[in-house]
N, C-alpha and C. Protein backbone atom coordinates (compact mmCIF):
# COMPACT_ATOMS: atom_id res chain seq x y z
N ALA A 1 6.65 29.96 -19.24
CA ALA A 1 5.75 28.84 -19.08
C ALA A 1 6.60 27.86 -18.50
N GLY A 2 7.12 26.78 -19.34
CA GLY A 2 7.74 25.73 -18.77
C GLY A 2 9.29 25.68 -18.09
N ALA A 3 9.88 25.31 -17.76
CA ALA A 3 11.39 25.06 -17.58
C ALA A 3 12.14 24.60 -18.39
N GLY A 4 11.47 24.06 -19.52
CA GLY A 4 12.17 23.33 -20.31
C GLY A 4 12.85 22.04 -20.03
N LEU A 5 12.33 21.27 -19.20
CA LEU A 5 13.07 19.84 -18.34
C LEU A 5 12.07 19.01 -18.92
N ASP A 6 13.05 17.70 -19.29
CA ASP A 6 12.00 16.62 -19.53
C ASP A 6 11.11 16.26 -18.45
N PRO A 7 10.17 15.97 -18.47
CA PRO A 7 9.03 15.48 -17.60
C PRO A 7 9.50 14.12 -16.84
N ARG A 8 10.14 13.10 -18.05
CA ARG A 8 10.68 11.73 -17.17
C ARG A 8 11.53 11.67 -16.27
N ILE A 9 12.22 12.85 -16.69
CA ILE A 9 13.62 13.02 -15.42
C ILE A 9 12.92 13.77 -14.40
N LEU A 10 12.24 14.86 -14.55
CA LEU A 10 11.32 15.21 -13.37
C LEU A 10 10.60 14.08 -12.22
N LEU A 11 10.33 13.45 -13.34
CA LEU A 11 9.11 12.03 -12.44
C LEU A 11 10.48 10.94 -11.71
N ALA A 12 10.94 10.56 -12.42
CA ALA A 12 12.27 9.98 -11.67
C ALA A 12 12.76 10.41 -10.52
N ALA A 13 13.47 11.77 -10.35
CA ALA A 13 13.98 12.58 -9.66
C ALA A 13 12.65 12.89 -8.07
N ASN A 14 11.63 12.96 -8.55
CA ASN A 14 10.64 13.01 -7.77
C ASN A 14 10.29 11.64 -6.91
N THR A 15 10.22 10.64 -7.79
CA THR A 15 10.42 9.28 -6.87
C THR A 15 10.93 8.81 -6.09
N ILE A 16 12.60 8.53 -6.82
CA ILE A 16 13.43 8.56 -5.75
C ILE A 16 13.83 9.38 -4.78
N GLY A 17 13.69 10.81 -4.87
CA GLY A 17 13.45 11.43 -3.73
C GLY A 17 12.88 11.13 -2.85
N GLY A 18 11.66 10.91 -3.09
CA GLY A 18 10.51 10.78 -1.89
C GLY A 18 11.04 9.40 -1.27
N GLY A 19 11.88 8.12 -2.21
CA GLY A 19 12.15 7.07 -1.01
C GLY A 19 13.06 7.29 -0.12
N LEU A 20 14.25 8.09 -0.81
CA LEU A 20 15.41 8.75 0.16
C LEU A 20 14.60 9.31 1.11
N GLY A 21 13.66 10.03 1.25
CA GLY A 21 13.29 11.01 2.93
C GLY A 21 12.86 9.88 3.28
N LYS A 22 12.11 9.09 2.76
CA LYS A 22 11.47 7.85 3.79
C LYS A 22 12.50 7.37 4.95
N ILE A 23 13.88 7.32 4.23
CA ILE A 23 14.83 6.93 5.32
C ILE A 23 15.13 7.61 6.59
N VAL A 24 14.57 9.29 6.67
CA VAL A 24 14.68 9.70 7.58
C VAL A 24 13.25 10.55 8.35
N SER A 25 12.32 9.70 7.83
CA SER A 25 11.09 10.14 8.40
C SER A 25 10.76 9.81 9.82
N PRO A 26 10.17 10.76 10.68
CA PRO A 26 9.95 9.84 11.84
C PRO A 26 9.07 9.03 12.37
N GLN A 27 8.07 8.85 11.08
CA GLN A 27 7.25 7.60 11.31
C GLN A 27 8.36 6.32 11.07
N ASN A 28 9.23 5.87 10.24
CA ASN A 28 9.82 5.18 9.72
C ASN A 28 11.25 4.76 10.96
N LEU A 29 11.55 6.14 11.52
CA LEU A 29 12.00 5.84 12.63
C LEU A 29 11.72 5.50 13.79
N ALA A 30 10.49 5.38 14.17
CA ALA A 30 9.98 4.99 15.23
C ALA A 30 9.63 3.64 14.95
N ILE A 31 9.34 3.19 13.60
CA ILE A 31 9.10 1.60 13.33
C ILE A 31 10.43 0.86 13.59
N ALA A 32 11.24 1.26 12.99
CA ALA A 32 12.47 0.86 13.25
C ALA A 32 13.15 0.59 14.60
N ALA A 33 12.94 1.85 15.36
CA ALA A 33 13.10 1.62 16.87
C ALA A 33 12.31 0.57 17.58
N THR A 34 11.27 0.46 17.37
CA THR A 34 10.33 -0.55 17.85
C THR A 34 10.48 -1.86 17.42
N ALA A 35 10.93 -1.99 16.02
CA ALA A 35 11.19 -3.26 15.54
C ALA A 35 12.31 -3.98 16.36
N VAL A 36 13.45 -3.05 16.71
CA VAL A 36 14.51 -3.50 17.58
C VAL A 36 14.60 -3.69 18.34
N ASP A 37 13.19 -3.59 19.30
CA ASP A 37 13.34 -3.62 20.67
C ASP A 37 14.03 -2.22 21.42
N ALA A 38 13.98 -0.89 20.43
CA ALA A 38 14.74 -0.05 21.09
C ALA A 38 14.09 1.41 21.12
N GLU A 39 12.74 1.15 21.87
CA GLU A 39 12.19 2.34 21.87
C GLU A 39 13.03 3.51 22.46
N GLY A 40 12.27 4.83 21.96
CA GLY A 40 13.18 6.04 22.56
C GLY A 40 14.93 6.34 21.96
N MET A 41 15.14 5.70 21.32
CA MET A 41 16.38 5.49 20.61
C MET A 41 16.23 6.08 19.13
N ASP A 42 15.10 6.75 18.39
CA ASP A 42 15.06 7.54 17.39
C ASP A 42 16.06 8.35 17.03
N ALA A 43 16.42 9.12 18.04
CA ALA A 43 17.54 10.07 17.48
C ALA A 43 18.72 9.14 17.21
N GLU A 44 18.98 8.24 17.88
CA GLU A 44 20.59 7.44 17.35
C GLU A 44 20.32 6.83 16.24
N ILE A 45 19.54 6.47 15.93
CA ILE A 45 19.19 5.69 14.52
C ILE A 45 19.25 6.76 13.80
N LEU A 46 18.50 7.96 13.74
CA LEU A 46 18.70 9.00 13.04
C LEU A 46 20.26 9.71 12.46
N LYS A 47 20.76 9.43 14.12
CA LYS A 47 22.32 9.70 13.45
C LYS A 47 22.87 8.94 12.78
N ARG A 48 22.51 8.13 12.85
CA ARG A 48 23.52 6.70 12.03
C ARG A 48 22.76 6.66 10.59
N ALA A 49 21.18 7.17 10.49
CA ALA A 49 21.15 6.72 9.30
C ALA A 49 21.01 8.50 8.51
N ALA A 50 21.54 9.40 8.94
CA ALA A 50 21.15 10.52 7.87
C ALA A 50 22.40 10.68 7.15
N PRO A 51 23.75 10.17 7.40
CA PRO A 51 24.74 10.13 6.10
C PRO A 51 24.25 9.62 5.30
N TYR A 52 23.79 7.86 5.37
CA TYR A 52 23.38 7.52 4.46
C TYR A 52 22.57 8.39 3.38
N SER A 53 21.57 8.89 4.09
CA SER A 53 20.47 9.67 3.21
C SER A 53 21.02 11.04 2.31
N ILE A 54 21.75 11.36 3.27
CA ILE A 54 22.38 12.65 2.55
C ILE A 54 23.59 12.18 1.27
N GLY A 55 24.39 10.85 1.45
CA GLY A 55 25.17 10.69 0.45
C GLY A 55 24.51 9.89 -0.30
N LEU A 56 23.50 9.48 -0.38
CA LEU A 56 22.58 8.91 -1.57
C LEU A 56 21.74 10.21 -2.24
N LEU A 57 21.43 11.28 -1.44
CA LEU A 57 21.02 12.72 -2.21
C LEU A 57 21.82 13.34 -2.81
N VAL A 58 23.22 13.18 -2.65
CA VAL A 58 23.92 13.61 -3.65
C VAL A 58 24.36 12.81 -4.82
N VAL A 59 24.02 11.38 -4.60
CA VAL A 59 24.20 10.72 -5.36
C VAL A 59 23.47 11.01 -6.44
N LEU A 60 22.20 11.03 -6.04
CA LEU A 60 21.39 11.46 -6.74
C LEU A 60 21.08 12.93 -7.54
N CYS A 61 21.44 13.46 -7.05
CA CYS A 61 21.50 15.04 -7.66
C CYS A 61 22.50 15.03 -8.75
N CYS A 62 23.69 14.52 -8.43
CA CYS A 62 24.50 14.04 -9.99
C CYS A 62 23.95 13.18 -10.92
N LEU A 63 23.07 12.35 -11.24
CA LEU A 63 22.69 11.46 -11.75
C LEU A 63 21.50 12.31 -12.60
N ILE A 64 20.60 12.81 -11.77
CA ILE A 64 19.87 13.77 -12.30
C ILE A 64 20.24 15.25 -13.09
N PHE A 65 21.50 15.52 -12.82
CA PHE A 65 21.86 16.47 -13.70
C PHE A 65 22.77 16.15 -14.88
N ALA A 66 23.14 15.18 -14.70
CA ALA A 66 23.88 14.14 -15.91
C ALA A 66 22.89 13.89 -16.88
N ALA A 67 21.33 13.36 -16.42
CA ALA A 67 20.58 13.08 -17.73
C ALA A 67 19.94 14.29 -18.16
N SER A 68 19.64 15.39 -17.25
CA SER A 68 19.05 16.57 -17.93
C SER A 68 20.46 17.33 -18.87
N GLN A 69 21.30 16.96 -18.63
CA GLN A 69 22.19 17.45 -19.59
C GLN A 69 22.36 16.75 -21.16
N GLY A 70 21.69 15.27 -20.80
CA GLY A 70 21.72 14.38 -22.36
C GLY A 70 23.09 13.58 -22.18
N TRP A 71 23.65 13.57 -20.95
CA TRP A 71 25.39 12.92 -20.72
C TRP A 71 24.45 11.19 -20.91
N PHE A 72 23.80 10.88 -20.80
CA PHE A 72 23.29 9.33 -21.06
C PHE A 72 22.67 8.79 -22.30
N GLY A 73 23.07 10.02 -23.39
CA GLY A 73 22.47 9.50 -24.22
C GLY A 73 20.99 9.82 -24.42
N PRO A 74 19.90 9.62 -25.42
CA PRO A 74 18.86 9.87 -25.68
C PRO A 74 18.01 9.24 -25.03
N LEU A 75 16.79 9.52 -24.19
CA LEU A 75 16.09 8.27 -23.30
C LEU A 75 15.06 7.77 -23.94
N MET A 76 15.36 6.31 -23.68
CA MET A 76 14.35 5.75 -24.32
C MET A 76 12.97 5.89 -23.89
N VAL A 77 11.97 5.72 -25.00
CA VAL A 77 10.49 5.73 -24.90
C VAL A 77 9.88 4.39 -24.99
N SER A 78 9.08 3.98 -23.60
CA SER A 78 8.63 2.62 -23.93
C SER A 78 7.11 2.47 -24.39
């Protein structure tokens, strides 16, 4: 049936992952290029933004793995 994972951790990973994906989304790249008066430079902006997105993704994966293993202690319920 289930994977045995805490749904709160999955929700947090999904939410943060969606935010990370926005860094390299074509729509946001076009908006950024237009905002700085650099139309047509989307590829250059992507080339500069992608390493940050990948680095943050690696950090996110490590944090989610640690949280799923219980290394941060019990999760607080509010």
